[in-house]
PDB file of N, CA and C in Angstrom:
ATOM      1  N   MET A   1      -2.898  -0.218  -7.980  1.00  0.00           N
ATOM      2  CA  MET A   1      -2.058  -0.162  -6.811  1.00  0.00           C
ATOM      3  C   MET A   1      -2.867  -0.054  -5.511  1.00  0.00           C
ATOM      4  N   PRO A   2      -3.948   0.710  -5.501  1.00  0.00           N
ATOM      5  CA  PRO A   2      -4.715   0.751  -4.249  1.00  0.00           C
ATOM      6  C   PRO A   2      -5.279  -0.609  -3.864  1.00  0.00           C
ATOM      7  N   ALA A   3      -5.542  -1.487  -4.830  1.00  0.00           N
ATOM      8  CA  ALA A   3      -6.050  -2.819  -4.504  1.00  0.00           C
ATOM      9  C   ALA A   3      -5.013  -3.607  -3.724  1.00  0.00           C
ATOM     10  N   VAL A   4      -3.751  -3.421  -4.043  1.00  0.00           N
ATOM     11  CA  VAL A   4      -2.681  -4.089  -3.311  1.00  0.00           C
ATOM     12  C   VAL A   4      -2.644  -3.577  -1.871  1.00  0.00           C
ATOM     13  N   ALA A   5      -2.802  -2.276  -1.699  1.00  0.00           N
ATOM     14  CA  ALA A   5      -2.823  -1.701  -0.351  1.00  0.00           C
ATOM     15  C   ALA A   5      -4.023  -2.202   0.436  1.00  0.00           C
ATOM     16  N   VAL A   6      -5.143  -2.431  -0.235  1.00  0.00           N
ATOM     17  CA  VAL A   6      -6.334  -2.964   0.442  1.00  0.00           C
ATOM     18  C   VAL A   6      -6.072  -4.383   0.924  1.00  0.00           C
ATOM     19  N   VAL A   7      -5.424  -5.199   0.098  1.00  0.00           N
ATOM     20  CA  VAL A   7      -5.078  -6.568   0.517  1.00  0.00           C
ATOM     21  C   VAL A   7      -4.174  -6.534   1.740  1.00  0.00           C
ATOM     22  N   LEU A   8      -3.195  -5.646   1.743  1.00  0.00           N
ATOM     23  CA  LEU A   8      -2.297  -5.537   2.894  1.00  0.00           C
ATOM     24  C   LEU A   8      -3.039  -5.031   4.129  1.00  0.00           C
ATOM     25  N   ALA A   9      -3.970  -4.118   3.942  1.00  0.00           N
ATOM     26  CA  ALA A   9      -4.759  -3.616   5.079  1.00  0.00           C
ATOM     27  C   ALA A   9      -5.657  -4.716   5.643  1.00  0.00           C
ATOM     28  N   ILE A  10      -6.226  -5.538   4.784  1.00  0.00           N
ATOM     29  CA  ILE A  10      -7.039  -6.659   5.269  1.00  0.00           C
ATOM     30  C   ILE A  10      -6.173  -7.623   6.053  1.00  0.00           C
ATOM     31  N   ARG A  11      -4.973  -7.881   5.584  1.00  0.00           N
ATOM     32  CA  ARG A  11      -4.041  -8.766   6.312  1.00  0.00           C
ATOM     33  C   ARG A  11      -3.732  -8.201   7.691  1.00  0.00           C
ATOM     34  N   ILE A  12      -3.481  -6.906   7.770  1.00  0.00           N
ATOM     35  CA  ILE A  12      -3.213  -6.273   9.069  1.00  0.00           C
ATOM     36  C   ILE A  12      -4.409  -6.446   9.987  1.00  0.00           C
ATOM     37  N   PHE A  13      -5.598  -6.200   9.465  1.00  0.00           N
ATOM     38  CA  PHE A  13      -6.823  -6.342  10.254  1.00  0.00           C
ATOM     39  C   PHE A  13      -6.994  -7.772  10.750  1.00  0.00           C
ATOM     40  N   LEU A  14      -6.759  -8.745   9.897  1.00  0.00           N
ATOM     41  CA  LEU A  14      -6.931 -10.138  10.287  1.00  0.00           C
ATOM     42  C   LEU A  14      -5.939 -10.562  11.365  1.00  0.00           C
ATOM     43  N   VAL A  15      -4.703 -10.142  11.243  1.00  0.00           N
ATOM     44  CA  VAL A  15      -3.692 -10.531  12.233  1.00  0.00           C
ATOM     45  C   VAL A  15      -3.944  -9.836  13.567  1.00  0.00           C
ATOM     46  N   ILE A  16      -4.206  -8.547  13.538  1.00  0.00           N
ATOM     47  CA  ILE A  16      -4.453  -7.823  14.790  1.00  0.00           C
ATOM     48  C   ILE A  16      -5.750  -8.296  15.432  1.00  0.00           C
ATOM     49  N   GLY A  17      -6.742  -8.626  14.618  1.00  0.00           N
ATOM     50  CA  GLY A  17      -8.014  -9.116  15.141  1.00  0.00           C
ATOM     51  C   GLY A  17      -7.957 -10.544  15.641  1.00  0.00           C
ATOM     52  N   GLY A  18      -6.862 -11.239  15.394  1.00  0.00           N
ATOM     53  CA  GLY A  18      -6.708 -12.603  15.873  1.00  0.00           C
ATOM     54  C   GLY A  18      -7.476 -13.626  15.046  1.00  0.00           C
ATOM     55  N   ALA A  19      -7.545 -13.427  13.745  1.00  0.00           N
ATOM     56  CA  ALA A  19      -8.258 -14.363  12.873  1.00  0.00           C
ATOM     57  C   ALA A  19      -7.562 -15.716  12.874  1.00  0.00           C
ATOM     58  N   ASN A  20      -8.335 -16.754  12.644  1.00  0.00           N
ATOM     59  CA  ASN A  20      -7.815 -18.117  12.588  1.00  0.00           C
ATOM     60  C   ASN A  20      -6.925 -18.253  11.350  1.00  0.00           C
ATOM     61  N   PRO A  21      -5.608 -18.492  11.514  1.00  0.00           N
ATOM     62  CA  PRO A  21      -4.718 -18.583  10.356  1.00  0.00           C
ATOM     63  C   PRO A  21      -4.985 -19.814   9.490  1.00  0.00           C
ATOM     64  N   ALA A  22      -5.738 -20.793   9.987  1.00  0.00           N
ATOM     65  CA  ALA A  22      -6.057 -21.984   9.213  1.00  0.00           C
ATOM     66  C   ALA A  22      -7.293 -21.778   8.323  1.00  0.00           C
ATOM     67  N   ASN A  23      -7.990 -20.656   8.512  1.00  0.00           N
ATOM     68  CA  ASN A  23      -9.168 -20.351   7.714  1.00  0.00           C
ATOM     69  C   ASN A  23      -8.744 -20.109   6.272  1.00  0.00           C
ATOM     70  N   GLY A  24      -9.574 -20.535   5.322  1.00  0.00           N
ATOM     71  CA  GLY A  24      -9.244 -20.389   3.901  1.00  0.00           C
ATOM     72  C   GLY A  24      -9.070 -18.952   3.462  1.00  0.00           C
ATOM     73  N   PHE A  25      -9.965 -18.066   3.928  1.00  0.00           N
ATOM     74  CA  PHE A  25      -9.864 -16.651   3.553  1.00  0.00           C
ATOM     75  C   PHE A  25      -8.584 -16.039   4.119  1.00  0.00           C
ATOM     76  N   ALA A  26      -8.283 -16.341   5.383  1.00  0.00           N
ATOM     77  CA  ALA A  26      -7.073 -15.799   6.003  1.00  0.00           C
ATOM     78  C   ALA A  26      -5.823 -16.313   5.304  1.00  0.00           C
ATOM     79  N   ARG A  27      -5.819 -17.571   4.907  1.00  0.00           N
ATOM     80  CA  ARG A  27      -4.667 -18.121   4.177  1.00  0.00           C
ATOM     81  C   ARG A  27      -4.525 -17.459   2.813  1.00  0.00           C
ATOM     82  N   MET A  28      -5.653 -17.239   2.117  1.00  0.00           N
ATOM     83  CA  MET A  28      -5.610 -16.600   0.803  1.00  0.00           C
ATOM     84  C   MET A  28      -5.044 -15.175   0.915  1.00  0.00           C
ATOM     85  N   ILE A  29      -5.563 -14.396   1.865  1.00  0.00           N
ATOM     86  CA  ILE A  29      -5.068 -13.027   2.049  1.00  0.00           C
ATOM     87  C   ILE A  29      -3.598 -13.041   2.462  1.00  0.00           C
ATOM     88  N   GLY A  30      -3.219 -13.999   3.307  1.00  0.00           N
ATOM     89  CA  GLY A  30      -1.817 -14.111   3.723  1.00  0.00           C
ATOM     90  C   GLY A  30      -0.891 -14.406   2.560  1.00  0.00           C
ATOM     91  N   SER A  31      -1.317 -15.297   1.667  1.00  0.00           N
ATOM     92  CA  SER A  31      -0.467 -15.615   0.515  1.00  0.00           C
ATOM     93  C   SER A  31      -0.408 -14.455  -0.468  1.00  0.00           C
ATOM     94  N   TRP A  32      -1.536 -13.777  -0.671  1.00  0.00           N
ATOM     95  CA  TRP A  32      -1.522 -12.612  -1.551  1.00  0.00           C
ATOM     96  C   TRP A  32      -0.641 -11.502  -0.986  1.00  0.00           C
ATOM     97  N   SER A  33      -0.756 -11.258   0.318  1.00  0.00           N
ATOM     98  CA  SER A  33       0.040 -10.179   0.906  1.00  0.00           C
ATOM     99  C   SER A  33       1.520 -10.524   0.902  1.00  0.00           C
ATOM    100  N   ALA A  34       1.851 -11.808   1.021  1.00  0.00           N
ATOM    101  CA  ALA A  34       3.261 -12.199   0.933  1.00  0.00           C
ATOM    102  C   ALA A  34       3.805 -11.955  -0.467  1.00  0.00           C
ATOM    103  N   GLY A  35       2.951 -12.111  -1.469  1.00  0.00           N
ATOM    104  CA  GLY A  35       3.381 -11.894  -2.844  1.00  0.00           C
ATOM    105  C   GLY A  35       3.568 -10.439  -3.217  1.00  0.00           C
ATOM    106  N   VAL A  36       2.874  -9.537  -2.539  1.00  0.00           N
ATOM    107  CA  VAL A  36       2.961  -8.117  -2.904  1.00  0.00           C
ATOM    108  C   VAL A  36       3.754  -7.284  -1.897  1.00  0.00           C
ATOM    109  N   SER A  37       4.289  -7.931  -0.890  1.00  0.00           N
ATOM    110  CA  SER A  37       5.134  -7.216   0.067  1.00  0.00           C
ATOM    111  C   SER A  37       6.555  -7.223  -0.483  1.00  0.00           C
ATOM    112  N   PRO A  38       7.011  -6.108  -1.032  1.00  0.00           N
ATOM    113  CA  PRO A  38       8.281  -6.081  -1.767  1.00  0.00           C
ATOM    114  C   PRO A  38       9.512  -6.158  -0.863  1.00  0.00           C
ATOM    115  N   GLY A  39       9.755  -7.325  -0.294  1.00  0.00           N
ATOM    116  CA  GLY A  39      10.933  -7.520   0.550  1.00  0.00           C
ATOM    117  C   GLY A  39      10.817  -6.911   1.931  1.00  0.00           C
ATOM    118  N   LEU A  40       9.631  -6.508   2.324  1.00  0.00           N
ATOM    119  CA  LEU A  40       9.455  -5.849   3.616  1.00  0.00           C
ATOM    120  C   LEU A  40       8.841  -6.767   4.668  1.00  0.00           C
ATOM    121  N   ARG A  41       8.665  -8.036   4.376  1.00  0.00           N
ATOM    122  CA  ARG A  41       7.965  -8.937   5.278  1.00  0.00           C
ATOM    123  C   ARG A  41       8.672  -9.070   6.632  1.00  0.00           C
ATOM    124  N   ASP A  42       9.979  -9.075   6.672  1.00  0.00           N
ATOM    125  CA  ASP A  42      10.709  -9.228   7.939  1.00  0.00           C
ATOM    126  C   ASP A  42      11.620  -8.041   8.228  1.00  0.00           C
ATOM    127  N   LEU A  43      11.225  -6.865   7.816  1.00  0.00           N
ATOM    128  CA  LEU A  43      12.050  -5.686   8.062  1.00  0.00           C
ATOM    129  C   LEU A  43      12.057  -5.338   9.547  1.00  0.00           C
ATOM    130  N   PHE A  44      10.884  -5.310  10.163  1.00  0.00           N
ATOM    131  CA  PHE A  44      10.769  -5.056  11.601  1.00  0.00           C
ATOM    132  C   PHE A  44      10.422  -6.374  12.281  1.00  0.00           C
ATOM    133  N   THR A  45      11.045  -6.648  13.434  1.00  0.00           N
ATOM    134  CA  THR A  45      10.811  -7.925  14.110  1.00  0.00           C
ATOM    135  C   THR A  45      10.486  -7.760  15.589  1.00  0.00           C
ATOM    136  N   PRO A  46       9.436  -7.015  15.933  1.00  0.00           N
ATOM    137  CA  PRO A  46       9.040  -6.964  17.342  1.00  0.00           C
ATOM    138  C   PRO A  46       8.433  -8.306  17.764  1.00  0.00           C
ATOM    139  N   ALA A  47       8.323  -8.522  19.053  1.00  0.00           N
ATOM    140  CA  ALA A  47       7.832  -9.801  19.576  1.00  0.00           C
ATOM    141  C   ALA A  47       6.360 -10.034  19.231  1.00  0.00           C
ATOM    142  N   SER A  48       5.564  -9.001  19.206  1.00  0.00           N
ATOM    143  CA  SER A  48       4.140  -9.128  18.943  1.00  0.00           C
ATOM    144  C   SER A  48       3.884  -9.334  17.448  1.00  0.00           C
ATOM    145  N   ALA A  49       3.104 -10.368  17.118  1.00  0.00           N
ATOM    146  CA  ALA A  49       2.791 -10.637  15.710  1.00  0.00           C
ATOM    147  C   ALA A  49       1.950  -9.512  15.111  1.00  0.00           C
ATOM    148  N   GLY A  50       1.045  -8.945  15.900  1.00  0.00           N
ATOM    149  CA  GLY A  50       0.213  -7.856  15.404  1.00  0.00           C
ATOM    150  C   GLY A  50       1.022  -6.619  15.079  1.00  0.00           C
ATOM    151  N   LEU A  51       1.935  -6.252  15.972  1.00  0.00           N
ATOM    152  CA  LEU A  51       2.780  -5.081  15.726  1.00  0.00           C
ATOM    153  C   LEU A  51       3.720  -5.328  14.554  1.00  0.00           C
ATOM    154  N   ARG A  52       4.262  -6.520  14.458  1.00  0.00           N
ATOM    155  CA  ARG A  52       5.152  -6.868  13.341  1.00  0.00           C
ATOM    156  C   ARG A  52       4.402  -6.738  12.007  1.00  0.00           C
ATOM    157  N   THR A  53       3.184  -7.255  11.961  1.00  0.00           N
ATOM    158  CA  THR A  53       2.390  -7.167  10.733  1.00  0.00           C
ATOM    159  C   THR A  53       2.014  -5.730  10.428  1.00  0.00           C
ATOM    160  N   LEU A  54       1.642  -4.981  11.457  1.00  0.00           N
ATOM    161  CA  LEU A  54       1.286  -3.576  11.256  1.00  0.00           C
ATOM    162  C   LEU A  54       2.454  -2.795  10.668  1.00  0.00           C
ATOM    163  N   LEU A  55       3.634  -2.978  11.210  1.00  0.00           N
ATOM    164  CA  LEU A  55       4.791  -2.225  10.725  1.00  0.00           C
ATOM    165  C   LEU A  55       5.211  -2.667   9.328  1.00  0.00           C
ATOM    166  N   ASN A  56       5.363  -3.975   9.131  1.00  0.00           N
ATOM    167  CA  ASN A  56       5.871  -4.468   7.842  1.00  0.00           C
ATOM    168  C   ASN A  56       4.855  -4.315   6.719  1.00  0.00           C
ATOM    169  N   ASP A  57       3.640  -4.798   6.925  1.00  0.00           N
ATOM    170  CA  ASP A  57       2.642  -4.697   5.862  1.00  0.00           C
ATOM    171  C   ASP A  57       2.115  -3.273   5.723  1.00  0.00           C
ATOM    172  N   GLY A  58       2.090  -2.518   6.812  1.00  0.00           N
ATOM    173  CA  GLY A  58       1.686  -1.114   6.735  1.00  0.00           C
ATOM    174  C   GLY A  58       2.663  -0.300   5.903  1.00  0.00           C
ATOM    175  N   LEU A  59       3.946  -0.555   6.091  1.00  0.00           N
ATOM    176  CA  LEU A  59       4.956   0.132   5.289  1.00  0.00           C
ATOM    177  C   LEU A  59       4.839  -0.271   3.824  1.00  0.00           C
ATOM    178  N   ALA A  60       4.591  -1.551   3.569  1.00  0.00           N
ATOM    179  CA  ALA A  60       4.414  -2.015   2.189  1.00  0.00           C
ATOM    180  C   ALA A  60       3.190  -1.363   1.554  1.00  0.00           C
ATOM    181  N   ALA A  61       2.084  -1.233   2.312  1.00  0.00           N
ATOM    182  CA  ALA A  61       0.875  -0.592   1.778  1.00  0.00           C
ATOM    183  C   ALA A  61       1.142   0.875   1.441  1.00  0.00           C
ATOM    184  N   LEU A  62       1.851   1.575   2.318  1.00  0.00           N
ATOM    185  CA  LEU A  62       2.191   2.974   2.028  1.00  0.00           C
ATOM    186  C   LEU A  62       3.091   3.079   0.799  1.00  0.00           C
ATOM    187  N   LEU A  63       4.011   2.152   0.657  1.00  0.00           N
ATOM    188  CA  LEU A  63       4.897   2.152  -0.499  1.00  0.00           C
ATOM    189  C   LEU A  63       4.105   1.936  -1.792  1.00  0.00           C
ATOM    190  N   TRP A  64       3.137   0.994  -1.769  1.00  0.00           N
ATOM    191  CA  TRP A  64       2.319   0.760  -2.955  1.00  0.00           C
ATOM    192  C   TRP A  64       1.447   1.969  -3.287  1.00  0.00           C
ATOM    193  N   LEU A  65       0.926   2.639  -2.274  1.00  0.00           N
ATOM    194  CA  LEU A  65       0.129   3.849  -2.534  1.00  0.00           C
ATOM    195  C   LEU A  65       0.991   4.940  -3.161  1.00  0.00           C
ATOM    196  N   LEU A  66       2.217   5.069  -2.690  1.00  0.00           N
ATOM    197  CA  LEU A  66       3.136   6.049  -3.269  1.00  0.00           C
ATOM    198  C   LEU A  66       3.512   5.671  -4.694  1.00  0.00           C
ATOM    199  N   ILE A  67       3.762   4.380  -4.930  1.00  0.00           N
ATOM    200  CA  ILE A  67       4.105   3.914  -6.276  1.00  0.00           C
ATOM    201  C   ILE A  67       2.956   4.197  -7.246  1.00  0.00           C
ATOM    202  N   GLY A  68       1.725   4.099  -6.781  1.00  0.00           N
ATOM    203  CA  GLY A  68       0.582   4.399  -7.635  1.00  0.00           C
ATOM    204  C   GLY A  68       0.327   5.885  -7.800  1.00  0.00           C
ATOM    205  N   ALA A  69       0.619   6.666  -6.777  1.00  0.00           N
ATOM    206  CA  ALA A  69       0.306   8.093  -6.815  1.00  0.00           C
ATOM    207  C   ALA A  69       1.242   8.880  -7.718  1.00  0.00           C
ATOM    208  N   VAL A  70       2.503   8.525  -7.733  1.00  0.00           N
ATOM    209  CA  VAL A  70       3.470   9.300  -8.519  1.00  0.00           C
ATOM    210  C   VAL A  70       3.175   9.222 -10.024  1.00  0.00           C
ATOM    211  N   PRO A  71       3.033   8.030 -10.620  1.00  0.00           N
ATOM    212  CA  PRO A  71       2.713   8.023 -12.050  1.00  0.00           C
ATOM    213  C   PRO A  71       1.342   8.630 -12.368  1.00  0.00           C
ATOM    214  N   THR A  72       0.380   8.439 -11.477  1.00  0.00           N
ATOM    215  CA  THR A  72      -0.934   9.032 -11.699  1.00  0.00           C
ATOM    216  C   THR A  72      -0.832  10.554 -11.749  1.00  0.00           C
ATOM    217  N   ASN A  73      -0.064  11.121 -10.851  1.00  0.00           N
ATOM    218  CA  ASN A  73       0.117  12.566 -10.812  1.00  0.00           C
ATOM    219  C   ASN A  73       0.819  13.059 -12.072  1.00  0.00           C
ATOM    220  N   VAL A  74       1.862  12.358 -12.484  1.00  0.00           N
ATOM    221  CA  VAL A  74       2.588  12.774 -13.685  1.00  0.00           C
ATOM    222  C   VAL A  74       1.696  12.667 -14.915  1.00  0.00           C
ATOM    223  N   ILE A  75       0.936  11.581 -15.026  1.00  0.00           N
ATOM    224  CA  ILE A  75       0.066  11.393 -16.193  1.00  0.00           C
ATOM    225  C   ILE A  75      -1.005  12.472 -16.254  1.00  0.00           C
ATOM    226  N   THR A  76      -1.606  12.801 -15.112  1.00  0.00           N
ATOM    227  CA  THR A  76      -2.669  13.809 -15.141  1.00  0.00           C
ATOM    228  C   THR A  76      -2.124  15.208 -15.403  1.00  0.00           C
ATOM    229  N   ARG A  77      -0.864  15.420 -15.209  1.00  0.00           N
ATOM    230  CA  ARG A  77      -0.286  16.744 -15.466  1.00  0.00           C
ATOM    231  C   ARG A  77       0.337  16.860 -16.851  1.00  0.00           C
ATOM    232  N   VAL A  78       0.744  15.741 -17.444  1.00  0.00           N
ATOM    233  CA  VAL A  78       1.505  15.817 -18.687  1.00  0.00           C
ATOM    234  C   VAL A  78       0.787  15.156 -19.864  1.00  0.00           C
ATOM    235  N   ALA A  79       0.275  13.962 -19.692  1.00  0.00           N
ATOM    236  CA  ALA A  79      -0.166  13.156 -20.822  1.00  0.00           C
ATOM    237  C   ALA A  79      -1.631  13.344 -21.211  1.00  0.00           C
ATOM    238  N   LEU A  80      -2.438  13.952 -20.391  1.00  0.00           N
ATOM    239  CA  LEU A  80      -3.834  14.149 -20.739  1.00  0.00           C
ATOM    240  C   LEU A  80      -3.978  15.298 -21.736  1.00  0.00           C
ATOM    241  N   PRO A  81      -5.092  15.342 -22.480  1.00  0.00           N
ATOM    242  CA  PRO A  81      -5.323  16.488 -23.362  1.00  0.00           C
ATOM    243  C   PRO A  81      -5.304  17.795 -22.564  1.00  0.00           C
ATOM    244  N   SER A  82      -4.965  18.867 -23.209  1.00  0.00           N
ATOM    245  CA  SER A  82      -4.710  20.129 -22.501  1.00  0.00           C
ATOM    246  C   SER A  82      -5.884  20.609 -21.652  1.00  0.00           C
ATOM    247  N   GLY A  83      -7.114  20.356 -22.037  1.00  0.00           N
ATOM    248  CA  GLY A  83      -8.251  20.810 -21.244  1.00  0.00           C
ATOM    249  C   GLY A  83      -8.483  19.993 -19.987  1.00  0.00           C
ATOM    250  N   ASP A  84      -7.958  18.773 -19.946  1.00  0.00           N
ATOM    251  CA  ASP A  84      -8.178  17.886 -18.810  1.00  0.00           C
ATOM    252  C   ASP A  84      -6.997  17.816 -17.854  1.00  0.00           C
ATOM    253  N   ARG A  85      -5.916  18.479 -18.179  1.00  0.00           N
ATOM    254  CA  ARG A  85      -4.713  18.409 -17.353  1.00  0.00           C
ATOM    255  C   ARG A  85      -4.875  19.165 -16.050  1.00  0.00           C
ATOM    256  N   ARG A  86      -4.185  18.654 -15.029  1.00  0.00           N
ATOM    257  CA  ARG A  86      -4.007  19.453 -13.823  1.00  0.00           C
ATOM    258  C   ARG A  86      -2.775  20.315 -14.054  1.00  0.00           C
ATOM    259  N   VAL A  87      -2.752  21.464 -13.456  1.00  0.00           N
ATOM    260  CA  VAL A  87      -1.626  22.365 -13.704  1.00  0.00           C
ATOM    261  C   VAL A  87      -0.868  22.614 -12.417  1.00  0.00           C
ATOM    262  N   TRP A  88       0.404  22.893 -12.597  1.00  0.00           N
ATOM    263  CA  TRP A  88       1.226  23.314 -11.476  1.00  0.00           C
ATOM    264  C   TRP A  88       1.064  24.816 -11.333  1.00  0.00           C
ATOM    265  N   TYR A  89       0.831  25.246 -10.146  1.00  0.00           N
ATOM    266  CA  TYR A  89       0.709  26.683  -9.906  1.00  0.00           C
ATOM    267  C   TYR A  89       2.017  27.207  -9.402  1.00  0.00           C
ATOM    268  N   ARG A  90       2.464  28.281 -10.020  1.00  0.00           N
ATOM    269  CA  ARG A  90       3.723  28.877  -9.602  1.00  0.00           C
ATOM    270  C   ARG A  90       3.467  30.313  -9.199  1.00  0.00           C
ATOM    271  N   ARG A  91       4.158  30.693  -8.191  1.00  0.00           N
ATOM    272  CA  ARG A  91       4.065  32.093  -7.783  1.00  0.00           C
ATOM    273  C   ARG A  91       4.986  32.897  -8.665  1.00  0.00           C
ATOM    274  N   THR A  92       4.522  34.057  -9.025  1.00  0.00           N
ATOM    275  CA  THR A  92       5.362  34.921  -9.844  1.00  0.00           C
ATOM    276  C   THR A  92       5.797  36.121  -9.010  1.00  0.00           C
ATOM    277  N   ALA A  93       7.002  36.512  -9.203  1.00  0.00           N
ATOM    278  CA  ALA A  93       7.534  37.665  -8.482  1.00  0.00           C
ATOM    279  C   ALA A  93       7.163  38.928  -9.263  1.00  0.00           C
ATOM    280  N   ARG A  94       6.742  39.925  -8.539  1.00  0.00           N
ATOM    281  CA  ARG A  94       6.400  41.181  -9.191  1.00  0.00           C
ATOM    282  C   ARG A  94       7.463  42.206  -8.974  1.00  0.00           C
TER     283      ARG A  94
END
């Protein structure tokens, strides 16, 4: 999941930096980011292309990071062997 967020971050950097959209690398990153943006490509529509990309692809990147973090957290707390697990700390009332 973090790799997807990296692709979206590169797309944001390229658009805000004013990269040539006809360049092969920019087209490749653009097509990849369009494929992993889960319906968020046109959620925000400000006039500036850089701001539009920052909001839409930035939100998609945060969503992918969250999608990756939740199962990782659950797996490290529940499914790992008992010595390798992370534990939830609870306060106890005295």
